[in-house]
Amino acid sequence: MNCPFCGKDVSNETNITETRMGAKGIHRRRQCPSCDELFTTYEQTQESLVMVVKRDGRREEFQREKLLTSLRIATRKRPLPEGALIAIVEDIERRVLGADRGEVSSRILSEMVISRLKDLDPIAYMRFASLYHQFVSIEQMLEELGRIALSPDLPAPEQARMFAEDSDYLETGEPINLEVHRGLNRIAAH
């Protein structure tokens, strides 16, 4: 800090004559030891600012509400408590702000969300992953669904679909592959 009158660096030498708390921070009245002039400094804390680097190279400030909104969209009409989503956002926010880095890629944020949604709710996971991974074909999405169906960590379904084989047969007129159907039913029941 330089004295506004004599220009001397007085960072560690000024005498503070008055300190007041203001709505936007602290006001300090200081006296320069070199020229004895009085001047005021205004201090305020700055929140950690982390920029999110998008796929196209754009940068925007990390926004907790934006992350929560995307989670709410992915979990819409799913039987999840709101507290679970807030806990995910708080955990990610704590990690991002605590990493002491000025930037984080959107890819890393998305992977953090995906890993938590995969454990919490497979349907919400697929909703979010379909946007993030930008599946270009049904086959890619079915592959991912198959990986989820084979996962031993999936929670048990609350209620199995009834008459699924019959309704599929009535709609298509074709017999279905029951092994594939059972795996997809396991996902759909969640």
N, C-alpha and C. Protein backbone atom coordinates (compact mmCIF):
# COMPACT_ATOMS: atom_id res chain seq x y z
N MET A 1 0.85 -1.16 0.00
CA MET A 1 0.00 0.00 0.00
C MET A 1 0.90 1.23 0.00
N ASN A 2 0.55 2.13 -0.88
CA ASN A 2 1.31 3.39 -0.99
C ASN A 2 0.49 4.53 -0.42
N CYS A 3 1.17 5.46 0.21
CA CYS A 3 0.51 6.66 0.71
C CYS A 3 0.03 7.46 -0.50
N PRO A 4 -1.25 7.87 -0.50
CA PRO A 4 -1.76 8.62 -1.65
C PRO A 4 -1.17 10.04 -1.76
N PHE A 5 -0.47 10.50 -0.71
CA PHE A 5 0.08 11.87 -0.72
C PHE A 5 1.54 11.88 -1.12
N CYS A 6 2.37 11.07 -0.43
CA CYS A 6 3.81 11.10 -0.74
C CYS A 6 4.24 9.94 -1.64
N GLY A 7 3.38 8.94 -1.81
CA GLY A 7 3.68 7.82 -2.69
C GLY A 7 4.58 6.76 -2.10
N LYS A 8 5.02 6.94 -0.84
CA LYS A 8 5.92 5.97 -0.21
C LYS A 8 5.16 4.70 0.13
N ASP A 9 5.85 3.53 0.00
CA ASP A 9 5.26 2.25 0.39
C ASP A 9 5.19 2.20 1.91
N VAL A 10 3.96 2.19 2.43
CA VAL A 10 3.76 2.22 3.88
C VAL A 10 2.95 0.99 4.36
N SER A 11 3.08 -0.10 3.64
CA SER A 11 2.28 -1.29 3.93
C SER A 11 2.37 -1.74 5.39
N ASN A 12 3.56 -1.74 5.94
CA ASN A 12 3.75 -2.24 7.31
C ASN A 12 4.01 -1.13 8.32
N GLU A 13 3.88 0.11 7.90
CA GLU A 13 4.31 1.20 8.77
C GLU A 13 3.22 2.17 9.19
N THR A 14 2.04 2.11 8.60
CA THR A 14 1.03 3.13 8.90
C THR A 14 0.51 2.98 10.32
N ASN A 15 0.11 4.12 10.88
CA ASN A 15 -0.54 4.13 12.19
C ASN A 15 -2.05 4.17 11.93
N ILE A 16 -2.77 3.21 12.51
CA ILE A 16 -4.22 3.20 12.35
C ILE A 16 -4.80 4.03 13.47
N THR A 17 -5.52 5.09 13.10
CA THR A 17 -6.07 6.00 14.10
C THR A 17 -7.54 5.70 14.40
N GLU A 18 -8.23 5.02 13.47
CA GLU A 18 -9.65 4.73 13.69
C GLU A 18 -10.04 3.53 12.81
N THR A 19 -10.88 2.65 13.36
CA THR A 19 -11.41 1.51 12.60
C THR A 19 -12.92 1.47 12.79
N ARG A 20 -13.64 1.39 11.67
CA ARG A 20 -15.10 1.30 11.73
C ARG A 20 -15.58 0.16 10.84
N MET A 21 -16.60 -0.54 11.31
CA MET A 21 -17.24 -1.58 10.51
C MET A 21 -18.32 -0.91 9.67
N GLY A 22 -18.32 -1.15 8.41
CA GLY A 22 -19.33 -0.61 7.51
C GLY A 22 -20.13 -1.75 6.90
N ALA A 23 -21.15 -1.39 6.15
CA ALA A 23 -22.00 -2.40 5.52
C ALA A 23 -21.23 -3.23 4.50
N LYS A 24 -20.23 -2.64 3.88
CA LYS A 24 -19.49 -3.35 2.84
C LYS A 24 -18.08 -3.74 3.28
N GLY A 25 -17.76 -3.60 4.54
CA GLY A 25 -16.43 -3.98 5.00
C GLY A 25 -15.93 -3.09 6.12
N ILE A 26 -14.61 -3.00 6.21
CA ILE A 26 -13.96 -2.23 7.28
C ILE A 26 -13.35 -0.96 6.71
N HIS A 27 -13.58 0.15 7.41
CA HIS A 27 -12.98 1.44 7.05
C HIS A 27 -11.88 1.72 8.08
N ARG A 28 -10.68 1.98 7.62
CA ARG A 28 -9.59 2.31 8.54
C ARG A 28 -9.02 3.68 8.18
N ARG A 29 -8.86 4.49 9.20
CA ARG A 29 -8.23 5.80 9.04
C ARG A 29 -6.77 5.60 9.40
N ARG A 30 -5.89 5.95 8.48
CA ARG A 30 -4.46 5.70 8.67
C ARG A 30 -3.66 7.00 8.58
N GLN A 31 -2.49 6.98 9.22
CA GLN A 31 -1.60 8.13 9.16
C GLN A 31 -0.26 7.65 8.62
N CYS A 32 0.20 8.34 7.59
CA CYS A 32 1.48 8.00 6.97
C CYS A 32 2.62 8.43 7.89
N PRO A 33 3.57 7.55 8.23
CA PRO A 33 4.69 7.92 9.09
C PRO A 33 5.70 8.84 8.39
N SER A 34 5.63 8.88 7.06
CA SER A 34 6.59 9.69 6.33
C SER A 34 6.15 11.15 6.21
N CYS A 35 4.88 11.40 5.84
CA CYS A 35 4.43 12.78 5.62
C CYS A 35 3.35 13.21 6.63
N ASP A 36 2.96 12.34 7.53
CA ASP A 36 1.95 12.59 8.58
C ASP A 36 0.55 12.90 8.05
N GLU A 37 0.28 12.68 6.77
CA GLU A 37 -1.06 12.90 6.22
C GLU A 37 -1.98 11.73 6.61
N LEU A 38 -3.27 12.03 6.73
CA LEU A 38 -4.27 11.02 7.05
C LEU A 38 -4.98 10.57 5.75
N PHE A 39 -5.25 9.28 5.66
CA PHE A 39 -6.03 8.77 4.52
C PHE A 39 -6.84 7.56 5.01
N THR A 40 -7.85 7.20 4.24
CA THR A 40 -8.76 6.11 4.62
C THR A 40 -8.61 4.94 3.66
N THR A 41 -8.61 3.75 4.21
CA THR A 41 -8.63 2.54 3.38
C THR A 41 -9.94 1.81 3.65
N TYR A 42 -10.41 1.12 2.63
CA TYR A 42 -11.64 0.33 2.73
C TYR A 42 -11.27 -1.13 2.45
N GLU A 43 -11.61 -1.99 3.40
CA GLU A 43 -11.27 -3.40 3.26
C GLU A 43 -12.54 -4.24 3.22
N GLN A 44 -12.55 -5.21 2.33
CA GLN A 44 -13.66 -6.16 2.30
C GLN A 44 -13.13 -7.52 1.87
N THR A 45 -13.79 -8.53 2.37
CA THR A 45 -13.36 -9.88 2.03
C THR A 45 -13.85 -10.22 0.63
N GLN A 46 -13.05 -10.99 -0.06
CA GLN A 46 -13.42 -11.43 -1.40
C GLN A 46 -13.66 -12.93 -1.35
N GLU A 47 -14.84 -13.33 -1.80
CA GLU A 47 -15.15 -14.74 -1.87
C GLU A 47 -14.20 -15.40 -2.86
N SER A 48 -13.90 -16.68 -2.60
CA SER A 48 -13.08 -17.41 -3.56
C SER A 48 -13.79 -17.44 -4.90
N LEU A 49 -13.11 -17.09 -5.92
CA LEU A 49 -13.70 -17.06 -7.24
C LEU A 49 -13.10 -18.19 -8.06
N VAL A 50 -13.93 -19.11 -8.48
CA VAL A 50 -13.48 -20.22 -9.32
C VAL A 50 -14.21 -20.12 -10.65
N MET A 51 -13.45 -20.17 -11.71
CA MET A 51 -14.03 -20.11 -13.04
C MET A 51 -14.20 -21.52 -13.59
N VAL A 52 -15.33 -21.76 -14.26
CA VAL A 52 -15.60 -23.04 -14.90
C VAL A 52 -15.25 -22.87 -16.38
N VAL A 53 -14.38 -23.75 -16.88
CA VAL A 53 -13.97 -23.71 -18.27
C VAL A 53 -14.88 -24.66 -19.05
N LYS A 54 -15.67 -24.08 -19.95
CA LYS A 54 -16.63 -24.85 -20.75
C LYS A 54 -15.92 -25.59 -21.88
N ARG A 55 -16.64 -26.53 -22.51
CA ARG A 55 -16.07 -27.30 -23.63
C ARG A 55 -15.58 -26.41 -24.76
N ASP A 56 -16.28 -25.33 -25.02
CA ASP A 56 -15.91 -24.45 -26.13
C ASP A 56 -14.85 -23.42 -25.73
N GLY A 57 -14.34 -23.51 -24.51
CA GLY A 57 -13.28 -22.61 -24.07
C GLY A 57 -13.76 -21.39 -23.30
N ARG A 58 -15.08 -21.16 -23.32
CA ARG A 58 -15.61 -20.02 -22.55
C ARG A 58 -15.38 -20.27 -21.06
N ARG A 59 -15.32 -19.19 -20.30
CA ARG A 59 -15.16 -19.28 -18.85
C ARG A 59 -16.30 -18.52 -18.20
N GLU A 60 -16.86 -19.14 -17.15
CA GLU A 60 -17.87 -18.44 -16.38
C GLU A 60 -17.68 -18.81 -14.91
N GLU A 61 -18.14 -17.94 -14.05
CA GLU A 61 -17.98 -18.12 -12.62
C GLU A 61 -18.77 -19.35 -12.15
N PHE A 62 -18.17 -20.14 -11.24
CA PHE A 62 -18.86 -21.29 -10.66
C PHE A 62 -20.10 -20.78 -9.93
N GLN A 63 -21.24 -21.39 -10.24
CA GLN A 63 -22.49 -20.97 -9.64
C GLN A 63 -23.17 -22.17 -9.00
N ARG A 64 -23.27 -22.13 -7.70
CA ARG A 64 -23.90 -23.19 -6.92
C ARG A 64 -25.33 -23.43 -7.38
N GLU A 65 -26.08 -22.36 -7.62
CA GLU A 65 -27.49 -22.49 -8.01
C GLU A 65 -27.64 -23.16 -9.36
N LYS A 66 -26.73 -22.90 -10.27
CA LYS A 66 -26.79 -23.52 -11.59
C LYS A 66 -26.60 -25.03 -11.47
N LEU A 67 -25.67 -25.44 -10.62
CA LEU A 67 -25.44 -26.86 -10.39
C LEU A 67 -26.67 -27.51 -9.76
N LEU A 68 -27.26 -26.85 -8.78
CA LEU A 68 -28.45 -27.38 -8.13
C LEU A 68 -29.62 -27.48 -9.10
N THR A 69 -29.77 -26.51 -9.98
CA THR A 69 -30.84 -26.54 -10.98
C THR A 69 -30.67 -27.73 -11.92
N SER A 70 -29.45 -27.99 -12.37
CA SER A 70 -29.24 -29.12 -13.27
C SER A 70 -29.51 -30.45 -12.56
N LEU A 71 -29.19 -30.52 -11.28
CA LEU A 71 -29.52 -31.73 -10.52
C LEU A 71 -31.02 -31.90 -10.36
N ARG A 72 -31.71 -30.80 -10.12
CA ARG A 72 -33.18 -30.87 -9.99
C ARG A 72 -33.82 -31.33 -11.29
N ILE A 73 -33.29 -30.90 -12.41
CA ILE A 73 -33.83 -31.32 -13.71
C ILE A 73 -33.60 -32.82 -13.89
N ALA A 74 -32.40 -33.28 -13.58
CA ALA A 74 -32.07 -34.70 -13.76
C ALA A 74 -32.88 -35.60 -12.83
N THR A 75 -33.27 -35.08 -11.67
CA THR A 75 -33.98 -35.90 -10.68
C THR A 75 -35.47 -35.61 -10.63
N ARG A 76 -35.96 -34.83 -11.59
CA ARG A 76 -37.38 -34.48 -11.60
C ARG A 76 -38.23 -35.75 -11.58
N LYS A 77 -39.22 -35.73 -10.69
CA LYS A 77 -40.18 -36.83 -10.52
C LYS A 77 -39.52 -38.13 -10.04
N ARG A 78 -38.39 -38.00 -9.42
CA ARG A 78 -37.72 -39.16 -8.81
C ARG A 78 -37.93 -39.08 -7.31
N PRO A 79 -38.03 -40.20 -6.63
CA PRO A 79 -38.30 -40.20 -5.19
C PRO A 79 -37.05 -39.92 -4.36
N LEU A 80 -36.52 -38.71 -4.49
CA LEU A 80 -35.31 -38.34 -3.76
C LEU A 80 -35.60 -37.15 -2.86
N PRO A 81 -35.07 -37.15 -1.67
CA PRO A 81 -35.24 -35.98 -0.80
C PRO A 81 -34.41 -34.81 -1.31
N GLU A 82 -34.94 -33.61 -1.18
CA GLU A 82 -34.23 -32.40 -1.62
C GLU A 82 -32.88 -32.29 -0.90
N GLY A 83 -32.83 -32.76 0.33
CA GLY A 83 -31.58 -32.69 1.09
C GLY A 83 -30.45 -33.45 0.43
N ALA A 84 -30.77 -34.51 -0.30
CA ALA A 84 -29.73 -35.29 -0.98
C ALA A 84 -29.07 -34.45 -2.07
N LEU A 85 -29.87 -33.68 -2.79
CA LEU A 85 -29.32 -32.84 -3.86
C LEU A 85 -28.47 -31.71 -3.28
N ILE A 86 -28.95 -31.12 -2.22
CA ILE A 86 -28.20 -30.04 -1.57
C ILE A 86 -26.88 -30.57 -1.03
N ALA A 87 -26.90 -31.78 -0.49
CA ALA A 87 -25.66 -32.39 0.03
C ALA A 87 -24.66 -32.61 -1.10
N ILE A 88 -25.13 -33.05 -2.27
CA ILE A 88 -24.25 -33.24 -3.42
C ILE A 88 -23.63 -31.91 -3.83
N VAL A 89 -24.45 -30.87 -3.93
CA VAL A 89 -23.97 -29.55 -4.34
C VAL A 89 -22.96 -29.01 -3.33
N GLU A 90 -23.26 -29.14 -2.04
CA GLU A 90 -22.34 -28.64 -1.01
C GLU A 90 -21.01 -29.38 -1.05
N ASP A 91 -21.06 -30.70 -1.27
CA ASP A 91 -19.82 -31.47 -1.34
C ASP A 91 -18.98 -31.04 -2.53
N ILE A 92 -19.61 -30.90 -3.69
CA ILE A 92 -18.88 -30.48 -4.89
C ILE A 92 -18.35 -29.07 -4.73
N GLU A 93 -19.18 -28.18 -4.20
CA GLU A 93 -18.75 -26.79 -3.99
C GLU A 93 -17.56 -26.73 -3.03
N ARG A 94 -17.62 -27.49 -1.95
CA ARG A 94 -16.52 -27.51 -0.98
C ARG A 94 -15.23 -27.99 -1.64
N ARG A 95 -15.33 -29.01 -2.46
CA ARG A 95 -14.14 -29.54 -3.14
C ARG A 95 -13.58 -28.55 -4.16
N VAL A 96 -14.47 -27.92 -4.92
CA VAL A 96 -14.04 -26.99 -5.96
C VAL A 96 -13.40 -25.74 -5.33
N LEU A 97 -14.06 -25.16 -4.33
CA LEU A 97 -13.53 -23.95 -3.71
C LEU A 97 -12.31 -24.26 -2.84
N GLY A 98 -12.27 -25.46 -2.27
CA GLY A 98 -11.16 -25.82 -1.40
C GLY A 98 -9.93 -26.29 -2.15
N ALA A 99 -10.05 -26.50 -3.45
CA ALA A 99 -8.92 -27.01 -4.23
C ALA A 99 -7.87 -25.94 -4.47
N ASP A 100 -8.18 -24.69 -4.15
CA ASP A 100 -7.22 -23.60 -4.30
C ASP A 100 -6.75 -23.43 -5.74
N ARG A 101 -7.67 -23.65 -6.67
CA ARG A 101 -7.37 -23.43 -8.08
C ARG A 101 -8.33 -22.39 -8.61
N GLY A 102 -7.90 -21.62 -9.53
CA GLY A 102 -8.74 -20.58 -10.09
C GLY A 102 -9.72 -21.07 -11.14
N GLU A 103 -9.47 -22.29 -11.67
CA GLU A 103 -10.31 -22.82 -12.72
C GLU A 103 -10.57 -24.30 -12.52
N VAL A 104 -11.72 -24.72 -13.02
CA VAL A 104 -12.06 -26.14 -13.06
C VAL A 104 -12.81 -26.37 -14.36
N SER A 105 -12.55 -27.49 -15.01
CA SER A 105 -13.23 -27.74 -16.28
C SER A 105 -14.64 -28.25 -16.02
N SER A 106 -15.54 -27.94 -16.95
CA SER A 106 -16.92 -28.41 -16.83
C SER A 106 -16.96 -29.93 -16.87
N ARG A 107 -15.99 -30.55 -17.53
CA ARG A 107 -15.91 -32.01 -17.60
C ARG A 107 -15.71 -32.60 -16.21
N ILE A 108 -14.83 -31.99 -15.43
CA ILE A 108 -14.58 -32.49 -14.07
C ILE A 108 -15.82 -32.32 -13.20
N LEU A 109 -16.48 -31.16 -13.30
CA LEU A 109 -17.72 -30.95 -12.55
C LEU A 109 -18.76 -31.99 -12.92
N SER A 110 -18.92 -32.24 -14.22
CA SER A 110 -19.91 -33.22 -14.67
C SER A 110 -19.59 -34.62 -14.16
N GLU A 111 -18.32 -34.98 -14.17
CA GLU A 111 -17.93 -36.30 -13.67
C GLU A 111 -18.21 -36.41 -12.16
N MET A 112 -18.01 -35.32 -11.43
CA MET A 112 -18.31 -35.33 -10.00
C MET A 112 -19.81 -35.56 -9.78
N VAL A 113 -20.64 -34.90 -10.58
CA VAL A 113 -22.09 -35.06 -10.47
C VAL A 113 -22.49 -36.48 -10.86
N ILE A 114 -21.96 -36.96 -11.97
CA ILE A 114 -22.31 -38.28 -12.47
C ILE A 114 -21.97 -39.36 -11.45
N SER A 115 -20.80 -39.28 -10.84
CA SER A 115 -20.41 -40.31 -9.88
C SER A 115 -21.34 -40.34 -8.68
N ARG A 116 -21.83 -39.19 -8.26
CA ARG A 116 -22.75 -39.15 -7.12
C ARG A 116 -24.16 -39.59 -7.52
N LEU A 117 -24.61 -39.20 -8.70
CA LEU A 117 -25.94 -39.60 -9.15
C LEU A 117 -26.00 -41.10 -9.43
N LYS A 118 -24.92 -41.66 -9.91
CA LYS A 118 -24.90 -43.09 -10.23
C LYS A 118 -25.17 -43.91 -8.97
N ASP A 119 -24.62 -43.48 -7.85
CA ASP A 119 -24.85 -44.17 -6.58
C ASP A 119 -26.23 -43.86 -5.99
N LEU A 120 -26.73 -42.66 -6.26
CA LEU A 120 -27.98 -42.21 -5.65
C LEU A 120 -29.21 -42.70 -6.40
N ASP A 121 -29.21 -42.55 -7.73
CA ASP A 121 -30.40 -42.90 -8.50
C ASP A 121 -30.00 -43.16 -9.96
N PRO A 122 -30.09 -44.40 -10.44
CA PRO A 122 -29.66 -44.72 -11.80
C PRO A 122 -30.41 -43.97 -12.89
N ILE A 123 -31.69 -43.70 -12.70
CA ILE A 123 -32.46 -42.98 -13.72
C ILE A 123 -31.97 -41.53 -13.81
N ALA A 124 -31.79 -40.89 -12.68
CA ALA A 124 -31.27 -39.52 -12.68
C ALA A 124 -29.87 -39.51 -13.29
N TYR A 125 -29.10 -40.52 -12.99
CA TYR A 125 -27.76 -40.64 -13.56
C TYR A 125 -27.84 -40.68 -15.09
N MET A 126 -28.73 -41.51 -15.63
CA MET A 126 -28.85 -41.63 -17.09
C MET A 126 -29.34 -40.33 -17.72
N ARG A 127 -30.25 -39.65 -17.04
CA ARG A 127 -30.72 -38.37 -17.56
C ARG A 127 -29.57 -37.38 -17.68
N PHE A 128 -28.80 -37.27 -16.61
CA PHE A 128 -27.68 -36.33 -16.60
C PHE A 128 -26.61 -36.78 -17.59
N ALA A 129 -26.29 -38.07 -17.58
CA ALA A 129 -25.23 -38.60 -18.44
C ALA A 129 -25.60 -38.47 -19.92
N SER A 130 -26.88 -38.59 -20.25
CA SER A 130 -27.27 -38.48 -21.66
C SER A 130 -26.99 -37.08 -22.19
N LEU A 131 -27.11 -36.08 -21.36
CA LEU A 131 -26.78 -34.72 -21.77
C LEU A 131 -25.28 -34.50 -21.78
N TYR A 132 -24.61 -34.99 -20.76
CA TYR A 132 -23.18 -34.75 -20.64
C TYR A 132 -22.39 -35.54 -21.69
N HIS A 133 -22.69 -36.84 -21.80
CA HIS A 133 -21.94 -37.69 -22.75
C HIS A 133 -22.39 -37.48 -24.18
N GLN A 134 -23.54 -36.86 -24.37
CA GLN A 134 -24.09 -36.60 -25.70
C GLN A 134 -24.05 -37.86 -26.56
N PHE A 135 -24.78 -38.88 -26.10
CA PHE A 135 -24.85 -40.12 -26.86
C PHE A 135 -25.30 -39.81 -28.28
N VAL A 136 -24.62 -40.40 -29.27
CA VAL A 136 -24.98 -40.13 -30.65
C VAL A 136 -25.86 -41.23 -31.23
N SER A 137 -26.05 -42.30 -30.48
CA SER A 137 -26.91 -43.37 -30.98
C SER A 137 -27.60 -44.07 -29.82
N ILE A 138 -28.65 -44.75 -30.16
CA ILE A 138 -29.38 -45.55 -29.17
C ILE A 138 -28.47 -46.65 -28.64
N GLU A 139 -27.61 -47.19 -29.51
CA GLU A 139 -26.71 -48.28 -29.10
C GLU A 139 -25.79 -47.83 -27.97
N GLN A 140 -25.27 -46.60 -28.07
CA GLN A 140 -24.40 -46.09 -27.00
C GLN A 140 -25.17 -46.00 -25.69
N MET A 141 -26.40 -45.51 -25.76
CA MET A 141 -27.19 -45.38 -24.55
C MET A 141 -27.53 -46.76 -23.98
N LEU A 142 -27.86 -47.71 -24.85
CA LEU A 142 -28.17 -49.07 -24.39
C LEU A 142 -26.95 -49.74 -23.75
N GLU A 143 -25.77 -49.46 -24.30
CA GLU A 143 -24.55 -50.00 -23.69
C GLU A 143 -24.40 -49.49 -22.26
N GLU A 144 -24.62 -48.21 -22.09
CA GLU A 144 -24.52 -47.63 -20.74
C GLU A 144 -25.60 -48.20 -19.83
N LEU A 145 -26.81 -48.34 -20.35
CA LEU A 145 -27.89 -48.96 -19.56
C LEU A 145 -27.52 -50.38 -19.15
N GLY A 146 -26.91 -51.10 -20.08
CA GLY A 146 -26.47 -52.47 -19.78
C GLY A 146 -25.43 -52.51 -18.67
N ARG A 147 -24.50 -51.55 -18.70
CA ARG A 147 -23.48 -51.49 -17.64
C ARG A 147 -24.13 -51.23 -16.29
N ILE A 148 -25.13 -50.36 -16.27
CA ILE A 148 -25.82 -50.08 -15.01
C ILE A 148 -26.57 -51.31 -14.55
N ALA A 149 -27.25 -51.99 -15.47
CA ALA A 149 -28.05 -53.16 -15.12
C ALA A 149 -27.19 -54.26 -14.51
N LEU A 150 -25.94 -54.34 -14.93
CA LEU A 150 -25.05 -55.38 -14.42
C LEU A 150 -24.33 -54.97 -13.13
N SER A 151 -24.52 -53.73 -12.72
CA SER A 151 -23.86 -53.22 -11.52
C SER A 151 -24.39 -53.91 -10.28
N PRO A 152 -23.51 -54.49 -9.45
CA PRO A 152 -23.98 -55.16 -8.23
C PRO A 152 -24.40 -54.18 -7.13
N ASP A 153 -24.07 -52.90 -7.27
CA ASP A 153 -24.37 -51.94 -6.22
C ASP A 153 -25.76 -51.32 -6.34
N LEU A 154 -26.49 -51.66 -7.38
CA LEU A 154 -27.79 -51.03 -7.56
C LEU A 154 -28.71 -51.34 -6.39
N PRO A 155 -29.42 -50.34 -5.89
CA PRO A 155 -30.38 -50.61 -4.83
C PRO A 155 -31.53 -51.45 -5.38
N ALA A 156 -32.14 -52.23 -4.51
CA ALA A 156 -33.25 -53.08 -4.92
C ALA A 156 -34.42 -52.20 -5.35
N PRO A 157 -35.15 -52.59 -6.39
CA PRO A 157 -36.29 -51.79 -6.82
C PRO A 157 -37.39 -51.81 -5.77
N GLU A 158 -38.14 -50.69 -5.71
CA GLU A 158 -39.23 -50.61 -4.74
C GLU A 158 -40.37 -51.51 -5.16
N GLN A 159 -40.64 -51.59 -6.46
CA GLN A 159 -41.71 -52.43 -6.96
C GLN A 159 -41.37 -52.82 -8.38
N ALA A 160 -41.46 -54.11 -8.69
CA ALA A 160 -41.16 -54.58 -10.04
C ALA A 160 -42.30 -54.23 -10.98
N ARG A 161 -41.95 -54.05 -12.26
CA ARG A 161 -42.98 -53.82 -13.27
C ARG A 161 -43.76 -55.11 -13.48
N MET A 162 -45.05 -54.99 -13.53
CA MET A 162 -45.89 -56.17 -13.74
C MET A 162 -46.23 -56.30 -15.21
N PHE A 163 -46.25 -57.50 -15.70
CA PHE A 163 -46.69 -57.84 -17.04
C PHE A 163 -45.86 -57.15 -18.13
N ALA A 164 -44.62 -56.85 -17.85
CA ALA A 164 -43.80 -56.15 -18.83
C ALA A 164 -43.64 -56.96 -20.11
N GLU A 165 -43.38 -58.26 -19.98
CA GLU A 165 -43.19 -59.09 -21.17
C GLU A 165 -44.46 -59.10 -22.01
N ASP A 166 -45.62 -59.21 -21.36
CA ASP A 166 -46.89 -59.25 -22.08
C ASP A 166 -47.16 -57.94 -22.80
N SER A 167 -46.93 -56.80 -22.13
CA SER A 167 -47.23 -55.52 -22.78
C SER A 167 -46.29 -55.27 -23.95
N ASP A 168 -45.02 -55.67 -23.83
CA ASP A 168 -44.09 -55.50 -24.95
C ASP A 168 -44.50 -56.38 -26.13
N TYR A 169 -44.93 -57.60 -25.84
CA TYR A 169 -45.36 -58.51 -26.90
C TYR A 169 -46.59 -57.96 -27.62
N LEU A 170 -47.52 -57.39 -26.85
CA LEU A 170 -48.73 -56.83 -27.45
C LEU A 170 -48.40 -55.62 -28.33
N GLU A 171 -47.44 -54.80 -27.90
CA GLU A 171 -47.10 -53.60 -28.66
C GLU A 171 -46.36 -53.93 -29.96
N THR A 172 -45.43 -54.86 -29.89
CA THR A 172 -44.57 -55.14 -31.05
C THR A 172 -44.99 -56.37 -31.83
N GLY A 173 -45.66 -57.31 -31.17
CA GLY A 173 -46.00 -58.57 -31.83
C GLY A 173 -44.83 -59.51 -31.94
N GLU A 174 -43.69 -59.10 -31.40
CA GLU A 174 -42.48 -59.91 -31.46
C GLU A 174 -42.15 -60.45 -30.08
N PRO A 175 -41.72 -61.71 -29.99
CA PRO A 175 -41.23 -62.19 -28.70
C PRO A 175 -39.95 -61.43 -28.35
N ILE A 176 -39.72 -61.22 -27.08
CA ILE A 176 -38.56 -60.43 -26.67
C ILE A 176 -37.48 -61.32 -26.07
N ASN A 177 -36.26 -60.82 -26.07
CA ASN A 177 -35.15 -61.49 -25.42
C ASN A 177 -35.30 -61.22 -23.92
N LEU A 178 -35.66 -62.24 -23.16
CA LEU A 178 -35.97 -62.03 -21.75
C LEU A 178 -34.77 -61.60 -20.92
N GLU A 179 -33.55 -62.05 -21.28
CA GLU A 179 -32.38 -61.65 -20.50
C GLU A 179 -32.12 -60.15 -20.63
N VAL A 180 -32.20 -59.63 -21.85
CA VAL A 180 -32.02 -58.19 -22.06
C VAL A 180 -33.15 -57.44 -21.38
N HIS A 181 -34.37 -57.96 -21.53
CA HIS A 181 -35.54 -57.29 -20.97
C HIS A 181 -35.45 -57.22 -19.44
N ARG A 182 -35.01 -58.29 -18.81
CA ARG A 182 -34.89 -58.29 -17.34
C ARG A 182 -33.88 -57.24 -16.89
N GLY A 183 -32.77 -57.11 -17.60
CA GLY A 183 -31.78 -56.10 -17.24
C GLY A 183 -32.33 -54.69 -17.38
N LEU A 184 -33.09 -54.45 -18.46
CA LEU A 184 -33.69 -53.13 -18.66
C LEU A 184 -34.80 -52.88 -17.66
N ASN A 185 -35.56 -53.93 -17.31
CA ASN A 185 -36.60 -53.78 -16.30
C ASN A 185 -36.00 -53.40 -14.96
N ARG A 186 -34.86 -53.97 -14.65
CA ARG A 186 -34.20 -53.67 -13.39
C ARG A 186 -33.86 -52.19 -13.31
N ILE A 187 -33.44 -51.62 -14.44
CA ILE A 187 -33.16 -50.19 -14.48
C ILE A 187 -34.43 -49.38 -14.40
N ALA A 188 -35.44 -49.77 -15.17
CA ALA A 188 -36.69 -49.02 -15.23
C ALA A 188 -37.42 -49.02 -13.88
N ALA A 189 -37.24 -50.07 -13.09
CA ALA A 189 -37.91 -50.15 -11.79
C ALA A 189 -37.35 -49.13 -10.80
N HIS A 190 -36.18 -48.59 -11.12
CA HIS A 190 -35.59 -47.61 -10.20
C HIS A 190 -36.16 -46.29 -10.52
